[in-house]
């Protein structure tokens, strides 16, 4: 069987000048909208990248602040431990030295009185 429609040509669609002009304007507006949308996408991508970088920097800042808090807490603990060693001992009391001085003076004077008699 020989194909009859093999060489047949499809009928041409003819557009009027006004329809061609409308199609051209529609394509131009779509290309413009596409280029504007592409620019918006690029701008949004740059904004996303900058926000991602800001997020990373904020995370680093939080880590450093937590480390700083830990170090300051260790410093406080060291000060508390140091205060335990710097607290005056019982034998460093001024009352003991004052009482010891009076007793020494009284006992020395009694010894001198006894020796002189």
PDB file of N, CA and C in Angstrom:
ATOM      1  N   UNK A   1       0.821  -1.161   0.000  1.00  0.00           N
ATOM      2  CA  UNK A   1       0.000   0.000   0.000  1.00  0.00           C
ATOM      3  C   UNK A   1       0.884   1.251   0.000  1.00  0.00           C
ATOM      4  N   UNK A   2       0.540   2.167  -0.777  1.00  0.00           N
ATOM      5  CA  UNK A   2       1.309   3.388  -0.931  1.00  0.00           C
ATOM      6  C   UNK A   2       0.673   4.456  -0.051  1.00  0.00           C
ATOM      7  N   UNK A   3       1.496   5.060   0.773  1.00  0.00           N
ATOM      8  CA  UNK A   3       0.923   6.098   1.628  1.00  0.00           C
ATOM      9  C   UNK A   3       0.497   7.303   0.798  1.00  0.00           C
ATOM     10  N   UNK A   4      -0.726   7.646   0.943  1.00  0.00           N
ATOM     11  CA  UNK A   4      -1.286   8.737   0.170  1.00  0.00           C
ATOM     12  C   UNK A   4      -0.958  10.079   0.817  1.00  0.00           C
ATOM     13  N   UNK A   5      -0.927  10.055   2.119  1.00  0.00           N
ATOM     14  CA  UNK A   5      -0.732  11.323   2.831  1.00  0.00           C
ATOM     15  C   UNK A   5       0.735  11.636   3.089  1.00  0.00           C
ATOM     16  N   UNK A   6       1.639  10.833   2.618  1.00  0.00           N
ATOM     17  CA  UNK A   6       3.044  11.040   2.891  1.00  0.00           C
ATOM     18  C   UNK A   6       3.543  12.323   2.265  1.00  0.00           C
ATOM     19  N   UNK A   7       3.110  12.623   1.095  1.00  0.00           N
ATOM     20  CA  UNK A   7       3.567  13.822   0.417  1.00  0.00           C
ATOM     21  C   UNK A   7       2.598  14.991   0.581  1.00  0.00           C
ATOM     22  N   UNK A   8       1.533  14.718   1.290  1.00  0.00           N
ATOM     23  CA  UNK A   8       0.533  15.783   1.443  1.00  0.00           C
ATOM     24  C   UNK A   8       1.078  16.846   2.385  1.00  0.00           C
ATOM     25  N   UNK A   9       0.811  18.052   2.063  1.00  0.00           N
ATOM     26  CA  UNK A   9       1.296  19.168   2.857  1.00  0.00           C
ATOM     27  C   UNK A   9       0.156  19.631   3.745  1.00  0.00           C
ATOM     28  N   UNK A  10       0.561  19.960   5.029  1.00  0.00           N
ATOM     29  CA  UNK A  10      -0.428  20.453   5.977  1.00  0.00           C
ATOM     30  C   UNK A  10      -0.792  21.865   5.553  1.00  0.00           C
ATOM     31  N   UNK A  11      -2.017  22.237   5.748  1.00  0.00           N
ATOM     32  CA  UNK A  11      -2.393  23.581   5.342  1.00  0.00           C
ATOM     33  C   UNK A  11      -1.690  24.604   6.206  1.00  0.00           C
ATOM     34  N   UNK A  12      -1.224  25.668   5.606  1.00  0.00           N
ATOM     35  CA  UNK A  12      -0.559  26.749   6.336  1.00  0.00           C
ATOM     36  C   UNK A  12      -1.586  27.529   7.134  1.00  0.00           C
ATOM     37  N   UNK A  13      -1.136  27.904   8.307  1.00  0.00           N
ATOM     38  CA  UNK A  13      -1.991  28.756   9.122  1.00  0.00           C
ATOM     39  C   UNK A  13      -1.573  30.175   8.845  1.00  0.00           C
ATOM     40  N   UNK A  14      -2.457  30.938   8.443  1.00  0.00           N
ATOM     41  CA  UNK A  14      -2.143  32.328   8.134  1.00  0.00           C
ATOM     42  C   UNK A  14      -2.635  33.207   9.268  1.00  0.00           C
ATOM     43  N   UNK A  15      -1.761  34.089   9.681  1.00  0.00           N
ATOM     44  CA  UNK A  15      -2.115  35.035  10.723  1.00  0.00           C
ATOM     45  C   UNK A  15      -2.218  36.409  10.093  1.00  0.00           C
ATOM     46  N   UNK A  16      -3.049  37.185  10.681  1.00  0.00           N
ATOM     47  CA  UNK A  16      -3.158  38.560  10.212  1.00  0.00           C
ATOM     48  C   UNK A  16      -2.005  39.357  10.782  1.00  0.00           C
ATOM     49  N   UNK A  17      -1.808  40.527  10.246  1.00  0.00           N
ATOM     50  CA  UNK A  17      -0.718  41.395  10.706  1.00  0.00           C
ATOM     51  C   UNK A  17      -0.928  41.752  12.183  1.00  0.00           C
ATOM     52  N   UNK A  18      -2.149  41.982  12.588  1.00  0.00           N
ATOM     53  CA  UNK A  18      -2.457  42.345  13.968  1.00  0.00           C
ATOM     54  C   UNK A  18      -2.192  41.175  14.907  1.00  0.00           C
ATOM     55  N   UNK A  19      -2.521  39.970  14.488  1.00  0.00           N
ATOM     56  CA  UNK A  19      -2.262  38.786  15.313  1.00  0.00           C
ATOM     57  C   UNK A  19      -0.761  38.552  15.473  1.00  0.00           C
ATOM     58  N   UNK A  20      -0.009  38.731  14.405  1.00  0.00           N
ATOM     59  CA  UNK A  20       1.447  38.583  14.483  1.00  0.00           C
ATOM     60  C   UNK A  20       2.025  39.631  15.424  1.00  0.00           C
ATOM     61  N   UNK A  21       1.505  40.836  15.343  1.00  0.00           N
ATOM     62  CA  UNK A  21       1.976  41.900  16.224  1.00  0.00           C
ATOM     63  C   UNK A  21       1.641  41.571  17.683  1.00  0.00           C
ATOM     64  N   UNK A  22       0.441  41.063  17.957  1.00  0.00           N
ATOM     65  CA  UNK A  22       0.047  40.672  19.316  1.00  0.00           C
ATOM     66  C   UNK A  22       0.912  39.527  19.839  1.00  0.00           C
ATOM     67  N   UNK A  23       1.182  38.552  18.985  1.00  0.00           N
ATOM     68  CA  UNK A  23       2.045  37.433  19.393  1.00  0.00           C
ATOM     69  C   UNK A  23       3.449  37.939  19.692  1.00  0.00           C
ATOM     70  N   UNK A  24       3.941  38.846  18.879  1.00  0.00           N
ATOM     71  CA  UNK A  24       5.275  39.409  19.095  1.00  0.00           C
ATOM     72  C   UNK A  24       5.326  40.175  20.410  1.00  0.00           C
ATOM     73  N   UNK A  25       4.295  40.974  20.673  1.00  0.00           N
ATOM     74  CA  UNK A  25       4.266  41.716  21.943  1.00  0.00           C
ATOM     75  C   UNK A  25       4.154  40.773  23.132  1.00  0.00           C
ATOM     76  N   UNK A  26       3.379  39.720  22.979  1.00  0.00           N
ATOM     77  CA  UNK A  26       3.243  38.729  24.053  1.00  0.00           C
ATOM     78  C   UNK A  26       4.583  38.049  24.315  1.00  0.00           C
ATOM     79  N   UNK A  27       5.275  37.672  23.255  1.00  0.00           N
ATOM     80  CA  UNK A  27       6.594  37.047  23.429  1.00  0.00           C
ATOM     81  C   UNK A  27       7.581  38.013  24.071  1.00  0.00           C
ATOM     82  N   UNK A  28       7.553  39.275  23.620  1.00  0.00           N
ATOM     83  CA  UNK A  28       8.445  40.279  24.216  1.00  0.00           C
ATOM     84  C   UNK A  28       8.153  40.463  25.703  1.00  0.00           C
ATOM     85  N   UNK A  29       6.860  40.534  26.055  1.00  0.00           N
ATOM     86  CA  UNK A  29       6.518  40.705  27.480  1.00  0.00           C
ATOM     87  C   UNK A  29       6.914  39.472  28.282  1.00  0.00           C
ATOM     88  N   UNK A  30       6.770  38.289  27.684  1.00  0.00           N
ATOM     89  CA  UNK A  30       7.190  37.065  28.384  1.00  0.00           C
ATOM     90  C   UNK A  30       8.706  37.026  28.553  1.00  0.00           C
ATOM     91  N   UNK A  31       9.460  37.436  27.533  1.00  0.00           N
ATOM     92  CA  UNK A  31      10.915  37.481  27.650  1.00  0.00           C
ATOM     93  C   UNK A  31      11.347  38.500  28.705  1.00  0.00           C
ATOM     94  N   UNK A  32      10.664  39.630  28.733  1.00  0.00           N
ATOM     95  CA  UNK A  32      10.977  40.644  29.743  1.00  0.00           C
ATOM     96  C   UNK A  32      10.676  40.105  31.139  1.00  0.00           C
ATOM     97  N   UNK A  33       9.509  39.476  31.300  1.00  0.00           N
ATOM     98  CA  UNK A  33       9.153  38.896  32.600  1.00  0.00           C
ATOM     99  C   UNK A  33      10.152  37.810  32.988  1.00  0.00           C
ATOM    100  N   UNK A  34      10.596  37.028  31.996  1.00  0.00           N
ATOM    101  CA  UNK A  34      11.574  35.978  32.275  1.00  0.00           C
ATOM    102  C   UNK A  34      12.902  36.575  32.719  1.00  0.00           C
ATOM    103  N   UNK A  35      13.345  37.632  32.039  1.00  0.00           N
ATOM    104  CA  UNK A  35      14.612  38.245  32.429  1.00  0.00           C
ATOM    105  C   UNK A  35      14.498  38.894  33.810  1.00  0.00           C
ATOM    106  N   UNK A  36      13.360  39.512  34.102  1.00  0.00           N
ATOM    107  CA  UNK A  36      13.148  40.099  35.435  1.00  0.00           C
ATOM    108  C   UNK A  36      13.134  38.989  36.490  1.00  0.00           C
ATOM    109  N   UNK A  37      12.448  37.907  36.181  1.00  0.00           N
ATOM    110  CA  UNK A  37      12.414  36.786  37.124  1.00  0.00           C
ATOM    111  C   UNK A  37      13.803  36.188  37.328  1.00  0.00           C
ATOM    112  N   UNK A  38      14.588  36.099  36.255  1.00  0.00           N
ATOM    113  CA  UNK A  38      15.959  35.588  36.395  1.00  0.00           C
ATOM    114  C   UNK A  38      16.801  36.509  37.275  1.00  0.00           C
ATOM    115  N   UNK A  39      16.635  37.812  37.108  1.00  0.00           N
ATOM    116  CA  UNK A  39      17.360  38.761  37.952  1.00  0.00           C
ATOM    117  C   UNK A  39      16.920  38.635  39.405  1.00  0.00           C
ATOM    118  N   UNK A  40      15.625  38.461  39.616  1.00  0.00           N
ATOM    119  CA  UNK A  40      15.125  38.256  40.982  1.00  0.00           C
ATOM    120  C   UNK A  40      15.673  36.970  41.594  1.00  0.00           C
ATOM    121  N   UNK A  41      15.755  35.939  40.785  1.00  0.00           N
ATOM    122  CA  UNK A  41      16.300  34.671  41.282  1.00  0.00           C
ATOM    123  C   UNK A  41      17.766  34.837  41.666  1.00  0.00           C
ATOM    124  N   UNK A  42      18.524  35.527  40.827  1.00  0.00           N
ATOM    125  CA  UNK A  42      19.940  35.759  41.139  1.00  0.00           C
ATOM    126  C   UNK A  42      20.075  36.596  42.410  1.00  0.00           C
ATOM    127  N   UNK A  43      19.248  37.645  42.525  1.00  0.00           N
ATOM    128  CA  UNK A  43      19.301  38.495  43.721  1.00  0.00           C
ATOM    129  C   UNK A  43      18.913  37.701  44.968  1.00  0.00           C
ATOM    130  N   UNK A  44      17.900  36.874  44.856  1.00  0.00           N
ATOM    131  CA  UNK A  44      17.483  36.053  45.996  1.00  0.00           C
ATOM    132  C   UNK A  44      18.564  35.030  46.360  1.00  0.00           C
ATOM    133  N   UNK A  45      19.230  34.487  45.355  1.00  0.00           N
ATOM    134  CA  UNK A  45      20.297  33.532  45.631  1.00  0.00           C
ATOM    135  C   UNK A  45      21.455  34.214  46.364  1.00  0.00           C
ATOM    136  N   UNK A  46      21.784  35.449  45.942  1.00  0.00           N
ATOM    137  CA  UNK A  46      22.834  36.200  46.643  1.00  0.00           C
ATOM    138  C   UNK A  46      22.407  36.488  48.076  1.00  0.00           C
ATOM    139  N   UNK A  47      21.143  36.829  48.265  1.00  0.00           N
ATOM    140  CA  UNK A  47      20.628  37.093  49.606  1.00  0.00           C
ATOM    141  C   UNK A  47      20.669  35.832  50.461  1.00  0.00           C
ATOM    142  N   UNK A  48      20.307  34.704  49.876  1.00  0.00           N
ATOM    143  CA  UNK A  48      20.366  33.429  50.602  1.00  0.00           C
ATOM    144  C   UNK A  48      21.803  33.107  50.983  1.00  0.00           C
ATOM    145  N   UNK A  49      22.742  33.336  50.051  1.00  0.00           N
ATOM    146  CA  UNK A  49      24.153  33.079  50.350  1.00  0.00           C
ATOM    147  C   UNK A  49      24.656  33.971  51.475  1.00  0.00           C
ATOM    148  N   UNK A  50      24.285  35.249  51.439  1.00  0.00           N
ATOM    149  CA  UNK A  50      24.738  36.157  52.501  1.00  0.00           C
ATOM    150  C   UNK A  50      24.109  35.787  53.840  1.00  0.00           C
ATOM    151  N   UNK A  51      22.850  35.384  53.833  1.00  0.00           N
ATOM    152  CA  UNK A  51      22.195  34.958  55.081  1.00  0.00           C
ATOM    153  C   UNK A  51      22.805  33.667  55.608  1.00  0.00           C
ATOM    154  N   UNK A  52      23.187  32.778  54.698  1.00  0.00           N
ATOM    155  CA  UNK A  52      23.853  31.546  55.122  1.00  0.00           C
ATOM    156  C   UNK A  52      25.199  31.862  55.761  1.00  0.00           C
ATOM    157  N   UNK A  53      25.942  32.779  55.156  1.00  0.00           N
ATOM    158  CA  UNK A  53      27.227  33.197  55.723  1.00  0.00           C
ATOM    159  C   UNK A  53      27.025  33.860  57.079  1.00  0.00           C
ATOM    160  N   UNK A  54      25.996  34.700  57.180  1.00  0.00           N
ATOM    161  CA  UNK A  54      25.684  35.352  58.459  1.00  0.00           C
ATOM    162  C   UNK A  54      25.314  34.318  59.508  1.00  0.00           C
ATOM    163  N   UNK A  55      24.581  33.302  59.105  1.00  0.00           N
ATOM    164  CA  UNK A  55      24.212  32.230  60.025  1.00  0.00           C
ATOM    165  C   UNK A  55      25.454  31.498  60.534  1.00  0.00           C
ATOM    166  N   UNK A  56      26.398  31.226  59.631  1.00  0.00           N
ATOM    167  CA  UNK A  56      27.653  30.572  60.044  1.00  0.00           C
ATOM    168  C   UNK A  56      28.427  31.444  61.021  1.00  0.00           C
ATOM    169  N   UNK A  57      28.495  32.746  60.717  1.00  0.00           N
ATOM    170  CA  UNK A  57      29.207  33.659  61.614  1.00  0.00           C
ATOM    171  C   UNK A  57      28.523  33.749  62.973  1.00  0.00           C
ATOM    172  N   UNK A  58      27.197  33.763  62.969  1.00  0.00           N
ATOM    173  CA  UNK A  58      26.477  33.782  64.240  1.00  0.00           C
ATOM    174  C   UNK A  58      26.727  32.509  65.037  1.00  0.00           C
ATOM    175  N   UNK A  59      26.778  31.381  64.350  1.00  0.00           N
ATOM    176  CA  UNK A  59      27.063  30.119  65.034  1.00  0.00           C
ATOM    177  C   UNK A  59      28.460  30.146  65.648  1.00  0.00           C
ATOM    178  N   UNK A  60      29.438  30.666  64.908  1.00  0.00           N
ATOM    179  CA  UNK A  60      30.790  30.788  65.452  1.00  0.00           C
ATOM    180  C   UNK A  60      30.816  31.729  66.651  1.00  0.00           C
ATOM    181  N   UNK A  61      30.083  32.823  66.540  1.00  0.00           N
ATOM    182  CA  UNK A  61      30.028  33.788  67.637  1.00  0.00           C
ATOM    183  C   UNK A  61      29.426  33.145  68.889  1.00  0.00           C
ATOM    184  N   UNK A  62      28.382  32.355  68.706  1.00  0.00           N
ATOM    185  CA  UNK A  62      27.766  31.664  69.839  1.00  0.00           C
ATOM    186  C   UNK A  62      28.737  30.664  70.444  1.00  0.00           C
ATOM    187  N   UNK A  63      29.473  29.942  69.610  1.00  0.00           N
ATOM    188  CA  UNK A  63      30.457  28.985  70.130  1.00  0.00           C
ATOM    189  C   UNK A  63      31.533  29.699  70.935  1.00  0.00           C
ATOM    190  N   UNK A  64      32.023  30.842  70.409  1.00  0.00           N
ATOM    191  CA  UNK A  64      33.053  31.587  71.130  1.00  0.00           C
ATOM    192  C   UNK A  64      32.500  32.165  72.431  1.00  0.00           C
ATOM    193  N   UNK A  65      31.254  32.610  72.419  1.00  0.00           N
ATOM    194  CA  UNK A  65      30.649  33.131  73.645  1.00  0.00           C
ATOM    195  C   UNK A  65      30.496  32.011  74.677  1.00  0.00           C
ATOM    196  N   UNK A  66      30.100  30.827  74.242  1.00  0.00           N
ATOM    197  CA  UNK A  66      29.993  29.695  75.170  1.00  0.00           C
ATOM    198  C   UNK A  66      31.357  29.327  75.737  1.00  0.00           C
ATOM    199  N   UNK A  67      32.388  29.359  74.884  1.00  0.00           N
ATOM    200  CA  UNK A  67      33.747  29.074  75.364  1.00  0.00           C
ATOM    201  C   UNK A  67      34.192  30.136  76.364  1.00  0.00           C
ATOM    202  N   UNK A  68      33.853  31.392  76.075  1.00  0.00           N
ATOM    203  CA  UNK A  68      34.202  32.490  76.982  1.00  0.00           C
ATOM    204  C   UNK A  68      33.493  32.311  78.321  1.00  0.00           C
ATOM    205  N   UNK A  69      32.236  31.906  78.294  1.00  0.00           N
ATOM    206  CA  UNK A  69      31.489  31.668  79.529  1.00  0.00           C
ATOM    207  C   UNK A  69      32.138  30.548  80.326  1.00  0.00           C
ATOM    208  N   UNK A  70      32.536  29.478  79.642  1.00  0.00           N
ATOM    209  CA  UNK A  70      33.197  28.366  80.333  1.00  0.00           C
ATOM    210  C   UNK A  70      34.510  28.811  80.969  1.00  0.00           C
ATOM    211  N   UNK A  71      35.287  29.599  80.230  1.00  0.00           N
ATOM    212  CA  UNK A  71      36.565  30.074  80.769  1.00  0.00           C
ATOM    213  C   UNK A  71      36.360  31.016  81.961  1.00  0.00           C
ATOM    214  N   UNK A  72      35.377  31.873  81.868  1.00  0.00           N
ATOM    215  CA  UNK A  72      35.089  32.766  82.992  1.00  0.00           C
ATOM    216  C   UNK A  72      34.608  31.988  84.210  1.00  0.00           C
ATOM    217  N   UNK A  73      33.820  30.945  83.987  1.00  0.00           N
ATOM    218  CA  UNK A  73      33.374  30.118  85.105  1.00  0.00           C
ATOM    219  C   UNK A  73      34.561  29.400  85.745  1.00  0.00           C
ATOM    220  N   UNK A  74      35.484  28.918  84.921  1.00  0.00           N
ATOM    221  CA  UNK A  74      36.706  28.309  85.467  1.00  0.00           C
ATOM    222  C   UNK A  74      37.516  29.324  86.261  1.00  0.00           C
ATOM    223  N   UNK A  75      37.567  30.557  85.759  1.00  0.00           N
ATOM    224  CA  UNK A  75      38.289  31.616  86.465  1.00  0.00           C
ATOM    225  C   UNK A  75      37.644  31.890  87.819  1.00  0.00           C
ATOM    226  N   UNK A  76      36.325  31.927  87.863  1.00  0.00           N
ATOM    227  CA  UNK A  76      35.619  32.132  89.133  1.00  0.00           C
ATOM    228  C   UNK A  76      35.933  30.999  90.103  1.00  0.00           C
ATOM    229  N   UNK A  77      35.913  29.769  89.583  1.00  0.00           N
ATOM    230  CA  UNK A  77      36.228  28.621  90.445  1.00  0.00           C
ATOM    231  C   UNK A  77      37.659  28.695  90.972  1.00  0.00           C
ATOM    232  N   UNK A  78      38.590  29.172  90.148  1.00  0.00           N
ATOM    233  CA  UNK A  78      39.972  29.323  90.614  1.00  0.00           C
ATOM    234  C   UNK A  78      40.084  30.399  91.683  1.00  0.00           C
ATOM    235  N   UNK A  79      39.334  31.496  91.530  1.00  0.00           N
ATOM    236  CA  UNK A  79      39.342  32.535  92.567  1.00  0.00           C
ATOM    237  C   UNK A  79      38.788  31.999  93.881  1.00  0.00           C
ATOM    238  N   UNK A  80      37.735  31.216  93.803  1.00  0.00           N
ATOM    239  CA  UNK A  80      37.162  30.636  95.028  1.00  0.00           C
ATOM    240  C   UNK A  80      38.167  29.698  95.683  1.00  0.00           C
ATOM    241  N   UNK A  81      38.829  28.896  94.872  1.00  0.00           N
ATOM    242  CA  UNK A  81      39.843  27.974  95.414  1.00  0.00           C
ATOM    243  C   UNK A  81      41.011  28.745  96.026  1.00  0.00           C
ATOM    244  N   UNK A  82      41.411  29.839  95.387  1.00  0.00           N
ATOM    245  CA  UNK A  82      42.515  30.651  95.910  1.00  0.00           C
ATOM    246  C   UNK A  82      42.139  31.289  97.239  1.00  0.00           C
ATOM    247  N   UNK A  83      40.892  31.693  97.371  1.00  0.00           N
ATOM    248  CA  UNK A  83      40.452  32.315  98.618  1.00  0.00           C
ATOM    249  C   UNK A  83      40.537  31.354  99.794  1.00  0.00           C
ATOM    250  N   UNK A  84      40.367  30.067  99.509  1.00  0.00           N
ATOM    251  CA  UNK A  84      40.498  29.081 100.586  1.00  0.00           C
ATOM    252  C   UNK A  84      41.918  29.078 101.145  1.00  0.00           C
ATOM    253  N   UNK A  85      42.896  29.265 100.256  1.00  0.00           N
ATOM    254  CA  UNK A  85      44.283  29.253 100.694  1.00  0.00           C
ATOM    255  C   UNK A  85      44.708  30.586 101.301  1.00  0.00           C
ATOM    256  N   UNK A  86      44.055  31.667 100.913  1.00  0.00           N
ATOM    257  CA  UNK A  86      44.441  32.979 101.408  1.00  0.00           C
ATOM    258  C   UNK A  86      43.720  33.379 102.690  1.00  0.00           C
ATOM    259  N   UNK A  87      42.759  32.596 103.128  1.00  0.00           N
ATOM    260  CA  UNK A  87      42.041  32.900 104.358  1.00  0.00           C
ATOM    261  C   UNK A  87      43.008  32.821 105.531  1.00  0.00           C
ATOM    262  N   UNK A  88      42.931  33.801 106.445  1.00  0.00           N
ATOM    263  CA  UNK A  88      43.860  33.748 107.587  1.00  0.00           C
ATOM    264  C   UNK A  88      43.608  32.504 108.443  1.00  0.00           C
ATOM    265  N   UNK A  89      44.708  31.936 108.938  1.00  0.00           N
ATOM    266  CA  UNK A  89      44.617  30.742 109.775  1.00  0.00           C
ATOM    267  C   UNK A  89      44.278  31.160 111.212  1.00  0.00           C
ATOM    268  N   UNK A  90      43.956  30.193 112.047  1.00  0.00           N
ATOM    269  CA  UNK A  90      43.576  30.510 113.420  1.00  0.00           C
ATOM    270  C   UNK A  90      44.731  31.136 114.199  1.00  0.00           C
ATOM    271  N   UNK A  91      45.931  30.737 113.873  1.00  0.00           N
ATOM    272  CA  UNK A  91      47.081  31.261 114.599  1.00  0.00           C
ATOM    273  C   UNK A  91      47.527  32.628 114.084  1.00  0.00           C
ATOM    274  N   UNK A  92      46.904  33.129 113.030  1.00  0.00           N
ATOM    275  CA  UNK A  92      47.210  34.468 112.541  1.00  0.00           C
ATOM    276  C   UNK A  92      46.283  35.519 113.138  1.00  0.00           C
ATOM    277  N   UNK A  93      45.507  35.147 114.139  1.00  0.00           N
ATOM    278  CA  UNK A  93      44.533  36.065 114.719  1.00  0.00           C
ATOM    279  C   UNK A  93      45.240  37.127 115.574  1.00  0.00           C
ATOM    280  N   UNK A  94      44.796  38.379 115.476  1.00  0.00           N
ATOM    281  CA  UNK A  94      45.374  39.478 116.244  1.00  0.00           C
ATOM    282  C   UNK A  94      45.060  39.338 117.729  1.00  0.00           C
ATOM    283  N   UNK A  95      43.937  38.699 118.026  1.00  0.00           N
ATOM    284  CA  UNK A  95      43.557  38.503 119.433  1.00  0.00           C
ATOM    285  C   UNK A  95      44.586  37.611 120.127  1.00  0.00           C
ATOM    286  N   UNK A  96      45.034  36.561 119.453  1.00  0.00           N
ATOM    287  CA  UNK A  96      46.028  35.649 120.056  1.00  0.00           C
ATOM    288  C   UNK A  96      47.333  36.394 120.300  1.00  0.00           C
ATOM    289  N   UNK A  97      47.791  37.210 119.324  1.00  0.00           N
ATOM    290  CA  UNK A  97      49.034  37.959 119.516  1.00  0.00           C
ATOM    291  C   UNK A  97      48.887  38.999 120.632  1.00  0.00           C
ATOM    292  N   UNK A  98      47.743  39.647 120.697  1.00  0.00           N
ATOM    293  CA  UNK A  98      47.529  40.658 121.756  1.00  0.00           C
ATOM    294  C   UNK A  98      47.534  39.983 123.126  1.00  0.00           C
ATOM    295  N   UNK A  99      46.802  38.864 123.237  1.00  0.00           N
ATOM    296  CA  UNK A  99      46.757  38.146 124.521  1.00  0.00           C
ATOM    297  C   UNK A  99      48.134  37.595 124.876  1.00  0.00           C
ATOM    298  N   UNK A 100      48.820  37.066 123.891  1.00  0.00           N
ATOM    299  CA  UNK A 100      50.177  36.551 124.141  1.00  0.00           C
ATOM    300  C   UNK A 100      51.115  37.657 124.587  1.00  0.00           C
ATOM    301  N   UNK A 101      50.991  38.854 124.015  1.00  0.00           N
ATOM    302  CA  UNK A 101      51.841  39.974 124.405  1.00  0.00           C
ATOM    303  C   UNK A 101      51.567  40.417 125.852  1.00  0.00           C
ATOM    304  N   UNK A 102      50.299  40.481 126.205  1.00  0.00           N
ATOM    305  CA  UNK A 102      49.952  40.865 127.586  1.00  0.00           C
ATOM    306  C   UNK A 102      50.454  39.823 128.565  1.00  0.00           C
ATOM    307  N   UNK A 103      50.232  38.537 128.250  1.00  0.00           N
ATOM    308  CA  UNK A 103      50.706  37.477 129.147  1.00  0.00           C
ATOM    309  C   UNK A 103      52.231  37.506 129.281  1.00  0.00           C
ATOM    310  N   UNK A 104      52.919  37.768 128.185  1.00  0.00           N
ATOM    311  CA  UNK A 104      54.374  37.843 128.247  1.00  0.00           C
ATOM    312  C   UNK A 104      54.813  39.004 129.140  1.00  0.00           C
ATOM    313  N   UNK A 105      54.167  40.149 128.998  1.00  0.00           N
ATOM    314  CA  UNK A 105      54.523  41.311 129.819  1.00  0.00           C
ATOM    315  C   UNK A 105      54.218  41.055 131.284  1.00  0.00           C
ATOM    316  N   UNK A 106      53.075  40.439 131.571  1.00  0.00           N
ATOM    317  CA  UNK A 106      52.709  40.170 132.972  1.00  0.00           C
ATOM    318  C   UNK A 106      53.650  39.133 133.562  1.00  0.00           C
ATOM    319  N   UNK A 107      53.904  38.070 132.859  1.00  0.00           N
ATOM    320  CA  UNK A 107      54.779  37.024 133.388  1.00  0.00           C
ATOM    321  C   UNK A 107      56.215  37.517 133.530  1.00  0.00           C
ATOM    322  N   UNK A 108      56.663  38.341 132.601  1.00  0.00           N
ATOM    323  CA  UNK A 108      58.011  38.897 132.717  1.00  0.00           C
ATOM    324  C   UNK A 108      58.108  39.803 133.937  1.00  0.00           C
ATOM    325  N   UNK A 109      57.092  40.634 134.140  1.00  0.00           N
ATOM    326  CA  UNK A 109      57.129  41.520 135.314  1.00  0.00           C
ATOM    327  C   UNK A 109      57.064  40.718 136.603  1.00  0.00           C
ATOM    328  N   UNK A 110      56.301  39.640 136.669  1.00  0.00           N
ATOM    329  CA  UNK A 110      56.260  38.791 137.871  1.00  0.00           C
ATOM    330  C   UNK A 110      57.611  38.116 138.080  1.00  0.00           C
ATOM    331  N   UNK A 111      58.249  37.674 136.989  1.00  0.00           N
ATOM    332  CA  UNK A 111      59.556  37.050 137.123  1.00  0.00           C
ATOM    333  C   UNK A 111      60.572  38.018 137.659  1.00  0.00           C
ATOM    334  N   UNK A 112      60.522  39.250 137.148  1.00  0.00           N
ATOM    335  CA  UNK A 112      61.460  40.277 137.641  1.00  0.00           C
ATOM    336  C   UNK A 112      61.206  40.568 139.117  1.00  0.00           C
ATOM    337  N   UNK A 113      59.941  40.638 139.499  1.00  0.00           N
ATOM    338  CA  UNK A 113      59.600  40.907 140.923  1.00  0.00           C
ATOM    339  C   UNK A 113      60.107  39.759 141.777  1.00  0.00           C
ATOM    340  N   UNK A 114      59.962  38.532 141.344  1.00  0.00           N
ATOM    341  CA  UNK A 114      60.411  37.394 142.126  1.00  0.00           C
ATOM    342  C   UNK A 114      61.934  37.343 142.206  1.00  0.00           C
ATOM    343  N   UNK A 115      62.594  37.693 141.132  1.00  0.00           N
ATOM    344  CA  UNK A 115      64.052  37.660 141.118  1.00  0.00           C
ATOM    345  C   UNK A 115      64.589  38.759 142.023  1.00  0.00           C
ATOM    346  N   UNK A 116      63.940  39.897 142.031  1.00  0.00           N
ATOM    347  CA  UNK A 116      64.403  41.025 142.841  1.00  0.00           C
ATOM    348  C   UNK A 116      64.185  40.731 144.315  1.00  0.00           C
ATOM    349  N   UNK A 117      63.221  40.041 144.733  1.00  0.00           N
ATOM    350  CA  UNK A 117      62.971  39.772 146.149  1.00  0.00           C
ATOM    351  C   UNK A 117      63.974  38.923 146.739  1.00  0.00           C
TER     352      UNK A 117
END
